């Protein structure tokens, strides 16, 4: 952990989506692998494709372990739960480069709870986390046909450009001053 950086528990909080839905966010723990697996199993195939940018139909145990056994320094996985429950409704993975000059974020929201503002509010939470940790740029790579995500990120200050090597993907970036 970097000196002066807030520990993961300092980022646990209750947030509210634009629809009024409330959810509790905390850092993933090793014991969350099964809940995260059930969460991904509940997503539509399209939502899985948008999250992993492949035709994955099932998130394997090894990947779940990687997503829940994070170093809480360069990498964090923020999990969102309905308050007072163990019902996982979203995941936001944050991964900073070794130089900490940029970080990537990847978010998935439970398919039946999309368009309630959970993803937007969770993305703002991760952006705040990146800014406090002095990571000057937050990035995400998206499928070019994921217009909902592209519009959301652009509304939150991200710029968008196609990836030169793959026209099916776009790079979204937000710089912090």
N, C-alpha and C. Protein backbone atom coordinates (compact mmCIF):
# COMPACT_ATOMS: atom_id res chain seq x y z
N UNK A 1 0.85 -1.18 0.00
CA UNK A 1 0.00 0.00 0.00
C UNK A 1 0.89 1.24 0.00
N UNK A 2 0.54 2.21 -0.79
CA UNK A 2 1.30 3.45 -0.86
C UNK A 2 1.07 4.30 0.38
N UNK A 3 2.10 4.99 0.86
CA UNK A 3 1.91 5.87 2.02
C UNK A 3 0.87 6.94 1.73
N UNK A 4 0.01 7.19 2.68
CA UNK A 4 -0.98 8.24 2.54
C UNK A 4 -2.19 7.88 1.70
N UNK A 5 -2.24 6.65 1.18
CA UNK A 5 -3.37 6.22 0.36
C UNK A 5 -4.40 5.57 1.26
N UNK A 6 -5.65 5.90 1.02
CA UNK A 6 -6.72 5.32 1.82
C UNK A 6 -6.76 3.81 1.63
N UNK A 7 -6.99 3.10 2.72
CA UNK A 7 -7.10 1.65 2.62
C UNK A 7 -8.45 1.28 2.01
N UNK A 8 -8.58 0.08 1.45
CA UNK A 8 -9.81 -0.28 0.75
C UNK A 8 -11.08 -0.07 1.58
N UNK A 9 -11.04 -0.33 2.87
CA UNK A 9 -12.26 -0.17 3.68
C UNK A 9 -12.73 1.28 3.70
N UNK A 10 -11.81 2.23 3.48
CA UNK A 10 -12.20 3.63 3.43
C UNK A 10 -13.07 3.93 2.22
N UNK A 11 -13.10 3.03 1.27
CA UNK A 11 -13.89 3.22 0.05
C UNK A 11 -15.20 2.44 0.10
N UNK A 12 -15.48 1.82 1.24
CA UNK A 12 -16.77 1.15 1.43
C UNK A 12 -17.80 2.21 1.78
N UNK A 13 -18.93 2.17 1.09
CA UNK A 13 -19.95 3.18 1.34
C UNK A 13 -21.26 2.78 0.67
N UNK A 14 -22.31 3.47 1.05
CA UNK A 14 -23.58 3.29 0.37
C UNK A 14 -23.71 4.38 -0.68
N UNK A 15 -24.12 3.99 -1.87
CA UNK A 15 -24.30 4.92 -2.98
C UNK A 15 -25.73 4.84 -3.48
N UNK A 16 -26.11 5.83 -4.27
CA UNK A 16 -27.47 5.86 -4.82
C UNK A 16 -27.41 6.13 -6.31
N UNK A 17 -28.11 5.30 -7.08
CA UNK A 17 -28.24 5.51 -8.52
C UNK A 17 -29.27 6.59 -8.81
N UNK A 18 -29.30 7.09 -10.03
CA UNK A 18 -30.20 8.19 -10.37
C UNK A 18 -31.67 7.83 -10.19
N UNK A 19 -32.00 6.54 -10.22
CA UNK A 19 -33.39 6.09 -10.04
C UNK A 19 -33.80 6.07 -8.57
N UNK A 20 -32.83 6.26 -7.68
CA UNK A 20 -33.10 6.17 -6.25
C UNK A 20 -32.68 4.84 -5.65
N UNK A 21 -32.28 3.88 -6.49
CA UNK A 21 -31.83 2.59 -5.97
C UNK A 21 -30.55 2.81 -5.17
N UNK A 22 -30.50 2.21 -4.00
CA UNK A 22 -29.34 2.32 -3.13
C UNK A 22 -28.58 1.01 -3.17
N UNK A 23 -27.26 1.12 -3.04
CA UNK A 23 -26.43 -0.08 -3.02
C UNK A 23 -25.18 0.19 -2.19
N UNK A 24 -24.65 -0.87 -1.61
CA UNK A 24 -23.48 -0.79 -0.76
C UNK A 24 -22.27 -1.28 -1.55
N UNK A 25 -21.20 -0.50 -1.54
CA UNK A 25 -19.98 -0.83 -2.28
C UNK A 25 -18.86 -1.12 -1.30
N UNK A 26 -18.11 -2.17 -1.60
CA UNK A 26 -16.92 -2.49 -0.82
C UNK A 26 -15.92 -3.21 -1.72
N UNK A 27 -14.69 -3.28 -1.25
CA UNK A 27 -13.65 -4.00 -1.98
C UNK A 27 -13.91 -5.50 -1.91
N UNK A 28 -13.61 -6.18 -3.00
CA UNK A 28 -13.77 -7.64 -3.05
C UNK A 28 -12.82 -8.29 -2.06
N UNK A 29 -13.27 -9.41 -1.54
CA UNK A 29 -12.47 -10.23 -0.63
C UNK A 29 -12.35 -11.63 -1.22
N UNK A 30 -11.39 -12.39 -0.75
CA UNK A 30 -11.19 -13.75 -1.27
C UNK A 30 -12.47 -14.59 -1.18
N UNK A 31 -13.25 -14.39 -0.15
CA UNK A 31 -14.47 -15.18 0.06
C UNK A 31 -15.59 -14.83 -0.93
N UNK A 32 -15.39 -13.81 -1.76
CA UNK A 32 -16.43 -13.38 -2.70
C UNK A 32 -16.43 -14.13 -4.03
N UNK A 33 -15.52 -15.06 -4.23
CA UNK A 33 -15.40 -15.72 -5.54
C UNK A 33 -16.70 -16.40 -5.96
N UNK A 34 -17.36 -17.11 -5.06
CA UNK A 34 -18.60 -17.81 -5.43
C UNK A 34 -19.71 -16.82 -5.76
N UNK A 35 -19.84 -15.77 -4.97
CA UNK A 35 -20.87 -14.75 -5.23
C UNK A 35 -20.61 -14.06 -6.57
N UNK A 36 -19.35 -13.79 -6.86
CA UNK A 36 -19.01 -13.16 -8.13
C UNK A 36 -19.31 -14.10 -9.30
N UNK A 37 -19.03 -15.39 -9.11
CA UNK A 37 -19.35 -16.37 -10.13
C UNK A 37 -20.84 -16.44 -10.40
N UNK A 38 -21.65 -16.43 -9.34
CA UNK A 38 -23.11 -16.45 -9.50
C UNK A 38 -23.58 -15.17 -10.18
N UNK A 39 -22.96 -14.05 -9.84
CA UNK A 39 -23.31 -12.78 -10.49
C UNK A 39 -23.07 -12.86 -11.99
N UNK A 40 -21.88 -13.29 -12.40
CA UNK A 40 -21.59 -13.37 -13.83
C UNK A 40 -22.48 -14.40 -14.52
N UNK A 41 -22.83 -15.49 -13.83
CA UNK A 41 -23.73 -16.50 -14.42
C UNK A 41 -25.12 -15.93 -14.66
N UNK A 42 -25.48 -14.88 -13.93
CA UNK A 42 -26.82 -14.28 -14.08
C UNK A 42 -26.89 -13.27 -15.23
N UNK A 43 -25.73 -12.86 -15.76
CA UNK A 43 -25.72 -11.86 -16.82
C UNK A 43 -26.14 -12.47 -18.16
N UNK A 44 -26.69 -11.64 -19.02
CA UNK A 44 -26.99 -12.09 -20.38
C UNK A 44 -25.68 -12.31 -21.13
N UNK A 45 -25.74 -13.09 -22.20
CA UNK A 45 -24.54 -13.31 -23.00
C UNK A 45 -23.99 -12.00 -23.56
N UNK A 46 -24.89 -11.09 -23.93
CA UNK A 46 -24.44 -9.79 -24.43
C UNK A 46 -23.70 -9.02 -23.34
N UNK A 47 -24.22 -9.02 -22.12
CA UNK A 47 -23.55 -8.31 -21.03
C UNK A 47 -22.21 -8.94 -20.70
N UNK A 48 -22.11 -10.26 -20.78
CA UNK A 48 -20.81 -10.92 -20.59
C UNK A 48 -19.83 -10.51 -21.69
N UNK A 49 -20.32 -10.44 -22.92
CA UNK A 49 -19.46 -10.03 -24.03
C UNK A 49 -18.98 -8.59 -23.84
N UNK A 50 -19.88 -7.72 -23.40
CA UNK A 50 -19.49 -6.34 -23.16
C UNK A 50 -18.47 -6.24 -22.03
N UNK A 51 -18.60 -7.06 -21.00
CA UNK A 51 -17.68 -6.98 -19.87
C UNK A 51 -16.30 -7.54 -20.21
N UNK A 52 -16.27 -8.72 -20.88
CA UNK A 52 -15.00 -9.40 -21.12
C UNK A 52 -14.49 -9.25 -22.55
N UNK A 53 -15.28 -8.63 -23.43
CA UNK A 53 -14.90 -8.36 -24.82
C UNK A 53 -14.57 -9.63 -25.59
N UNK A 54 -15.19 -10.72 -25.19
CA UNK A 54 -15.06 -12.01 -25.89
C UNK A 54 -16.42 -12.69 -25.85
N UNK A 55 -16.50 -13.84 -26.48
CA UNK A 55 -17.73 -14.61 -26.46
C UNK A 55 -17.82 -15.55 -25.27
N UNK A 56 -17.19 -15.20 -24.16
CA UNK A 56 -17.20 -16.05 -22.97
C UNK A 56 -18.65 -16.32 -22.54
N UNK A 57 -18.92 -17.58 -22.20
CA UNK A 57 -20.26 -17.95 -21.72
C UNK A 57 -20.24 -18.27 -20.23
N UNK A 58 -19.04 -18.50 -19.71
CA UNK A 58 -18.90 -18.86 -18.30
C UNK A 58 -17.57 -18.29 -17.80
N UNK A 59 -17.60 -17.67 -16.65
CA UNK A 59 -16.37 -17.14 -16.05
C UNK A 59 -15.81 -18.23 -15.15
N UNK A 60 -14.64 -18.72 -15.50
CA UNK A 60 -14.03 -19.84 -14.80
C UNK A 60 -13.50 -19.48 -13.42
N UNK A 61 -13.28 -20.52 -12.64
CA UNK A 61 -12.82 -20.37 -11.26
C UNK A 61 -11.51 -19.58 -11.18
N UNK A 62 -10.58 -19.87 -12.08
CA UNK A 62 -9.29 -19.17 -12.05
C UNK A 62 -9.46 -17.66 -12.22
N UNK A 63 -10.32 -17.26 -13.14
CA UNK A 63 -10.58 -15.83 -13.36
C UNK A 63 -11.24 -15.22 -12.13
N UNK A 64 -12.19 -15.95 -11.53
CA UNK A 64 -12.86 -15.45 -10.33
C UNK A 64 -11.88 -15.25 -9.18
N UNK A 65 -10.94 -16.18 -9.05
CA UNK A 65 -9.90 -16.06 -8.01
C UNK A 65 -9.06 -14.81 -8.27
N UNK A 66 -8.67 -14.59 -9.53
CA UNK A 66 -7.90 -13.40 -9.88
C UNK A 66 -8.66 -12.12 -9.55
N UNK A 67 -9.97 -12.15 -9.71
CA UNK A 67 -10.79 -10.95 -9.50
C UNK A 67 -11.12 -10.70 -8.03
N UNK A 68 -10.90 -11.69 -7.18
CA UNK A 68 -11.22 -11.52 -5.76
C UNK A 68 -9.99 -11.56 -4.86
N UNK A 69 -8.89 -12.05 -5.36
CA UNK A 69 -7.64 -12.07 -4.61
C UNK A 69 -6.73 -10.98 -5.18
N UNK A 70 -7.13 -9.74 -5.01
CA UNK A 70 -6.40 -8.61 -5.59
C UNK A 70 -5.44 -8.03 -4.57
N UNK A 71 -4.50 -7.23 -5.05
CA UNK A 71 -3.47 -6.69 -4.15
C UNK A 71 -3.92 -5.44 -3.38
N UNK A 72 -5.07 -4.88 -3.70
CA UNK A 72 -5.61 -3.68 -3.05
C UNK A 72 -4.63 -2.50 -3.13
N UNK A 73 -3.73 -2.57 -4.08
CA UNK A 73 -2.79 -1.48 -4.31
C UNK A 73 -2.92 -1.04 -5.77
N UNK A 74 -2.40 -1.84 -6.68
CA UNK A 74 -2.55 -1.56 -8.11
C UNK A 74 -3.92 -2.00 -8.62
N UNK A 75 -4.49 -3.00 -7.97
CA UNK A 75 -5.73 -3.60 -8.44
C UNK A 75 -6.77 -3.61 -7.34
N UNK A 76 -8.00 -3.28 -7.73
CA UNK A 76 -9.13 -3.34 -6.79
C UNK A 76 -10.36 -3.77 -7.56
N UNK A 77 -11.20 -4.53 -6.92
CA UNK A 77 -12.49 -4.90 -7.51
C UNK A 77 -13.56 -4.42 -6.54
N UNK A 78 -14.30 -3.41 -6.94
CA UNK A 78 -15.38 -2.89 -6.11
C UNK A 78 -16.65 -3.68 -6.42
N UNK A 79 -17.24 -4.23 -5.38
CA UNK A 79 -18.48 -4.99 -5.53
C UNK A 79 -19.63 -4.19 -4.94
N UNK A 80 -20.76 -4.22 -5.61
CA UNK A 80 -21.95 -3.49 -5.17
C UNK A 80 -23.04 -4.49 -4.79
N UNK A 81 -23.62 -4.30 -3.61
CA UNK A 81 -24.65 -5.19 -3.08
C UNK A 81 -25.88 -4.38 -2.73
N UNK A 82 -27.05 -5.02 -2.82
CA UNK A 82 -28.24 -4.39 -2.27
C UNK A 82 -28.01 -4.25 -0.78
N UNK A 83 -28.33 -3.11 -0.17
CA UNK A 83 -28.02 -2.86 1.24
C UNK A 83 -28.59 -3.94 2.16
N UNK A 84 -27.74 -4.36 3.10
CA UNK A 84 -28.16 -5.33 4.10
C UNK A 84 -28.32 -6.74 3.58
N UNK A 85 -27.83 -7.00 2.36
CA UNK A 85 -27.96 -8.34 1.77
C UNK A 85 -26.62 -8.78 1.20
N UNK A 86 -26.60 -10.02 0.74
CA UNK A 86 -25.43 -10.50 0.01
C UNK A 86 -25.74 -10.62 -1.49
N UNK A 87 -26.74 -9.84 -1.94
CA UNK A 87 -27.15 -9.85 -3.35
C UNK A 87 -26.23 -8.91 -4.13
N UNK A 88 -25.35 -9.50 -4.92
CA UNK A 88 -24.37 -8.75 -5.72
C UNK A 88 -25.05 -8.21 -6.97
N UNK A 89 -24.95 -6.90 -7.18
CA UNK A 89 -25.63 -6.27 -8.32
C UNK A 89 -24.67 -5.66 -9.33
N UNK A 90 -23.39 -5.49 -8.97
CA UNK A 90 -22.43 -4.91 -9.92
C UNK A 90 -21.01 -5.17 -9.46
N UNK A 91 -20.10 -5.09 -10.42
CA UNK A 91 -18.67 -5.24 -10.16
C UNK A 91 -17.93 -4.20 -10.99
N UNK A 92 -16.95 -3.55 -10.37
CA UNK A 92 -16.11 -2.58 -11.08
C UNK A 92 -14.65 -2.90 -10.80
N UNK A 93 -13.97 -3.41 -11.79
CA UNK A 93 -12.56 -3.78 -11.66
C UNK A 93 -11.70 -2.58 -12.03
N UNK A 94 -10.74 -2.26 -11.17
CA UNK A 94 -9.79 -1.16 -11.36
C UNK A 94 -8.40 -1.79 -11.40
N UNK A 95 -7.62 -1.50 -12.45
CA UNK A 95 -6.27 -2.05 -12.55
C UNK A 95 -5.33 -0.97 -13.06
N UNK A 96 -4.41 -0.55 -12.20
CA UNK A 96 -3.44 0.50 -12.56
C UNK A 96 -2.19 -0.13 -13.17
N UNK A 97 -1.55 0.62 -14.03
CA UNK A 97 -0.27 0.18 -14.60
C UNK A 97 0.78 0.19 -13.50
N UNK A 98 1.89 -0.50 -13.75
CA UNK A 98 2.97 -0.52 -12.76
C UNK A 98 3.46 0.89 -12.44
N UNK A 99 3.50 1.75 -13.44
CA UNK A 99 3.95 3.13 -13.24
C UNK A 99 2.86 4.02 -12.65
N UNK A 100 1.66 3.49 -12.57
CA UNK A 100 0.49 4.22 -12.06
C UNK A 100 0.22 5.50 -12.85
N UNK A 101 0.55 5.46 -14.14
CA UNK A 101 0.26 6.61 -15.00
C UNK A 101 -1.10 6.48 -15.68
N UNK A 102 -1.72 5.32 -15.51
CA UNK A 102 -3.05 5.08 -16.06
C UNK A 102 -3.64 3.87 -15.35
N UNK A 103 -4.95 3.77 -15.43
CA UNK A 103 -5.64 2.61 -14.88
C UNK A 103 -6.82 2.29 -15.79
N UNK A 104 -7.16 1.02 -15.84
CA UNK A 104 -8.31 0.59 -16.62
C UNK A 104 -9.44 0.23 -15.68
N UNK A 105 -10.65 0.50 -16.11
CA UNK A 105 -11.84 0.13 -15.36
C UNK A 105 -12.73 -0.71 -16.26
N UNK A 106 -13.35 -1.73 -15.67
CA UNK A 106 -14.32 -2.57 -16.39
C UNK A 106 -15.48 -2.83 -15.44
N UNK A 107 -16.67 -2.49 -15.88
CA UNK A 107 -17.86 -2.56 -15.02
C UNK A 107 -18.89 -3.49 -15.63
N UNK A 108 -19.56 -4.23 -14.77
CA UNK A 108 -20.72 -5.03 -15.17
C UNK A 108 -21.81 -4.80 -14.14
N UNK A 109 -23.04 -4.64 -14.62
CA UNK A 109 -24.21 -4.46 -13.77
C UNK A 109 -25.18 -5.59 -14.08
N UNK A 110 -25.81 -6.11 -13.04
CA UNK A 110 -26.79 -7.18 -13.23
C UNK A 110 -27.77 -6.78 -14.33
N UNK A 111 -27.98 -7.67 -15.27
CA UNK A 111 -28.74 -7.35 -16.49
C UNK A 111 -30.12 -6.80 -16.20
N UNK A 112 -30.80 -7.31 -15.18
CA UNK A 112 -32.16 -6.84 -14.89
C UNK A 112 -32.19 -5.54 -14.09
N UNK A 113 -31.03 -5.02 -13.72
CA UNK A 113 -30.97 -3.77 -12.95
C UNK A 113 -30.25 -2.65 -13.72
N UNK A 114 -30.06 -2.85 -15.01
CA UNK A 114 -29.42 -1.81 -15.82
C UNK A 114 -30.39 -0.65 -16.01
N UNK A 115 -29.82 0.50 -16.32
CA UNK A 115 -30.56 1.74 -16.59
C UNK A 115 -31.19 2.35 -15.33
N UNK A 116 -30.65 1.98 -14.17
CA UNK A 116 -31.11 2.57 -12.91
C UNK A 116 -30.07 3.51 -12.32
N UNK A 117 -28.92 3.62 -12.97
CA UNK A 117 -27.87 4.50 -12.50
C UNK A 117 -26.81 3.83 -11.65
N UNK A 118 -26.90 2.51 -11.50
CA UNK A 118 -25.90 1.79 -10.69
C UNK A 118 -24.53 1.90 -11.36
N UNK A 119 -24.45 1.61 -12.65
CA UNK A 119 -23.17 1.65 -13.36
C UNK A 119 -22.56 3.04 -13.37
N UNK A 120 -23.40 4.05 -13.59
CA UNK A 120 -22.90 5.44 -13.61
C UNK A 120 -22.33 5.82 -12.26
N UNK A 121 -23.05 5.53 -11.21
CA UNK A 121 -22.59 5.92 -9.86
C UNK A 121 -21.35 5.13 -9.46
N UNK A 122 -21.31 3.86 -9.84
CA UNK A 122 -20.13 3.04 -9.54
C UNK A 122 -18.92 3.54 -10.32
N UNK A 123 -19.12 3.93 -11.57
CA UNK A 123 -18.02 4.50 -12.36
C UNK A 123 -17.52 5.80 -11.72
N UNK A 124 -18.41 6.63 -11.23
CA UNK A 124 -17.98 7.86 -10.54
C UNK A 124 -17.17 7.53 -9.29
N UNK A 125 -17.57 6.48 -8.58
CA UNK A 125 -16.84 6.04 -7.39
C UNK A 125 -15.42 5.61 -7.76
N UNK A 126 -15.30 4.84 -8.83
CA UNK A 126 -13.97 4.39 -9.28
C UNK A 126 -13.15 5.58 -9.78
N UNK A 127 -13.77 6.52 -10.47
CA UNK A 127 -13.04 7.71 -10.93
C UNK A 127 -12.53 8.51 -9.73
N UNK A 128 -13.34 8.65 -8.69
CA UNK A 128 -12.88 9.33 -7.47
C UNK A 128 -11.69 8.59 -6.87
N UNK A 129 -11.77 7.27 -6.83
CA UNK A 129 -10.70 6.43 -6.30
C UNK A 129 -9.41 6.67 -7.09
N UNK A 130 -9.51 6.67 -8.42
CA UNK A 130 -8.33 6.90 -9.26
C UNK A 130 -7.73 8.28 -9.02
N UNK A 131 -8.60 9.27 -8.92
CA UNK A 131 -8.12 10.64 -8.73
C UNK A 131 -7.42 10.80 -7.38
N UNK A 132 -7.99 10.25 -6.33
CA UNK A 132 -7.38 10.35 -4.99
C UNK A 132 -6.03 9.62 -4.97
N UNK A 133 -5.94 8.53 -5.71
CA UNK A 133 -4.69 7.77 -5.77
C UNK A 133 -3.68 8.40 -6.74
N UNK A 134 -4.05 9.54 -7.32
CA UNK A 134 -3.19 10.30 -8.22
C UNK A 134 -2.83 9.53 -9.50
N UNK A 135 -3.77 8.74 -9.96
CA UNK A 135 -3.62 8.10 -11.27
C UNK A 135 -4.16 9.11 -12.28
N UNK A 136 -3.32 9.64 -13.17
CA UNK A 136 -3.75 10.75 -14.02
C UNK A 136 -4.74 10.40 -15.14
N UNK A 137 -4.87 9.11 -15.46
CA UNK A 137 -5.79 8.76 -16.54
C UNK A 137 -6.53 7.45 -16.23
N UNK A 138 -7.84 7.50 -16.40
CA UNK A 138 -8.68 6.32 -16.27
C UNK A 138 -9.17 5.94 -17.66
N UNK A 139 -9.06 4.66 -18.00
CA UNK A 139 -9.43 4.20 -19.33
C UNK A 139 -10.39 3.02 -19.25
N UNK A 140 -11.15 2.85 -20.31
CA UNK A 140 -11.88 1.61 -20.49
C UNK A 140 -11.90 1.29 -21.97
N UNK A 141 -11.94 0.02 -22.25
CA UNK A 141 -12.06 -0.44 -23.63
C UNK A 141 -13.46 -1.02 -23.75
N UNK A 142 -14.16 -0.60 -24.78
CA UNK A 142 -15.55 -1.02 -24.95
C UNK A 142 -15.79 -1.53 -26.36
N UNK A 143 -16.77 -2.40 -26.45
CA UNK A 143 -17.25 -2.80 -27.76
C UNK A 143 -17.86 -1.56 -28.42
N UNK A 144 -17.56 -1.35 -29.69
CA UNK A 144 -18.06 -0.16 -30.39
C UNK A 144 -19.58 -0.13 -30.49
N UNK A 145 -20.23 -1.27 -30.29
CA UNK A 145 -21.69 -1.29 -30.34
C UNK A 145 -22.35 -1.15 -28.97
N UNK A 146 -21.55 -0.91 -27.94
CA UNK A 146 -22.09 -0.72 -26.59
C UNK A 146 -22.37 0.78 -26.38
N UNK A 147 -23.37 1.28 -27.12
CA UNK A 147 -23.65 2.72 -27.11
C UNK A 147 -24.04 3.24 -25.75
N UNK A 148 -24.73 2.44 -24.95
CA UNK A 148 -25.14 2.91 -23.62
C UNK A 148 -23.91 3.25 -22.78
N UNK A 149 -22.91 2.38 -22.79
CA UNK A 149 -21.69 2.64 -22.02
C UNK A 149 -20.92 3.82 -22.59
N UNK A 150 -20.80 3.87 -23.90
CA UNK A 150 -20.04 4.96 -24.53
C UNK A 150 -20.69 6.30 -24.21
N UNK A 151 -22.00 6.40 -24.33
CA UNK A 151 -22.70 7.65 -24.01
C UNK A 151 -22.54 8.00 -22.54
N UNK A 152 -22.64 7.00 -21.66
CA UNK A 152 -22.48 7.25 -20.23
C UNK A 152 -21.09 7.81 -19.94
N UNK A 153 -20.07 7.13 -20.42
CA UNK A 153 -18.71 7.57 -20.11
C UNK A 153 -18.42 8.94 -20.71
N UNK A 154 -18.90 9.20 -21.90
CA UNK A 154 -18.70 10.54 -22.49
C UNK A 154 -19.40 11.60 -21.65
N UNK A 155 -20.56 11.29 -21.09
CA UNK A 155 -21.27 12.25 -20.23
C UNK A 155 -20.53 12.51 -18.93
N UNK A 156 -19.62 11.60 -18.57
CA UNK A 156 -18.83 11.75 -17.34
C UNK A 156 -17.41 12.24 -17.61
N UNK A 157 -17.19 12.80 -18.80
CA UNK A 157 -15.91 13.42 -19.09
C UNK A 157 -14.90 12.56 -19.81
N UNK A 158 -15.28 11.38 -20.25
CA UNK A 158 -14.37 10.52 -21.01
C UNK A 158 -14.39 10.95 -22.47
N UNK A 159 -13.25 10.81 -23.13
CA UNK A 159 -13.19 10.99 -24.58
C UNK A 159 -13.20 9.60 -25.21
N UNK A 160 -13.60 9.54 -26.46
CA UNK A 160 -13.76 8.25 -27.13
C UNK A 160 -13.05 8.28 -28.47
N UNK A 161 -12.31 7.21 -28.75
CA UNK A 161 -11.70 7.08 -30.08
C UNK A 161 -11.60 5.59 -30.42
N UNK A 162 -11.65 5.28 -31.71
CA UNK A 162 -11.53 3.87 -32.11
C UNK A 162 -10.13 3.34 -31.82
N UNK A 163 -10.05 2.05 -31.55
CA UNK A 163 -8.74 1.41 -31.43
C UNK A 163 -8.25 1.11 -32.84
N UNK A 164 -7.06 1.57 -33.19
CA UNK A 164 -6.58 1.41 -34.57
C UNK A 164 -6.45 -0.06 -35.00
N UNK A 165 -6.10 -0.93 -34.08
CA UNK A 165 -5.88 -2.33 -34.44
C UNK A 165 -7.16 -3.16 -34.47
N UNK A 166 -8.26 -2.61 -33.94
CA UNK A 166 -9.51 -3.38 -33.87
C UNK A 166 -10.70 -2.43 -33.96
N UNK A 167 -11.28 -2.29 -35.14
CA UNK A 167 -12.39 -1.34 -35.31
C UNK A 167 -13.66 -1.72 -34.55
N UNK A 168 -13.69 -2.93 -33.99
CA UNK A 168 -14.87 -3.32 -33.21
C UNK A 168 -14.80 -2.80 -31.77
N UNK A 169 -13.66 -2.16 -31.41
CA UNK A 169 -13.46 -1.66 -30.05
C UNK A 169 -13.18 -0.16 -30.05
N UNK A 170 -13.52 0.49 -28.94
CA UNK A 170 -13.17 1.90 -28.74
C UNK A 170 -12.44 2.05 -27.41
N UNK A 171 -11.60 3.07 -27.34
CA UNK A 171 -10.88 3.41 -26.12
C UNK A 171 -11.51 4.67 -25.55
N UNK A 172 -11.95 4.58 -24.31
CA UNK A 172 -12.51 5.73 -23.61
C UNK A 172 -11.51 6.14 -22.54
N UNK A 173 -11.22 7.45 -22.46
CA UNK A 173 -10.21 7.94 -21.52
C UNK A 173 -10.70 9.19 -20.80
N UNK A 174 -10.37 9.26 -19.53
CA UNK A 174 -10.64 10.46 -18.75
C UNK A 174 -9.36 10.86 -18.04
N UNK A 175 -8.93 12.08 -18.30
CA UNK A 175 -7.73 12.61 -17.65
C UNK A 175 -8.13 13.42 -16.42
N UNK A 176 -7.30 13.31 -15.39
CA UNK A 176 -7.51 14.10 -14.18
C UNK A 176 -6.43 15.17 -14.13
N UNK A 177 -6.79 16.35 -13.68
CA UNK A 177 -5.84 17.47 -13.62
C UNK A 177 -4.94 17.33 -12.41
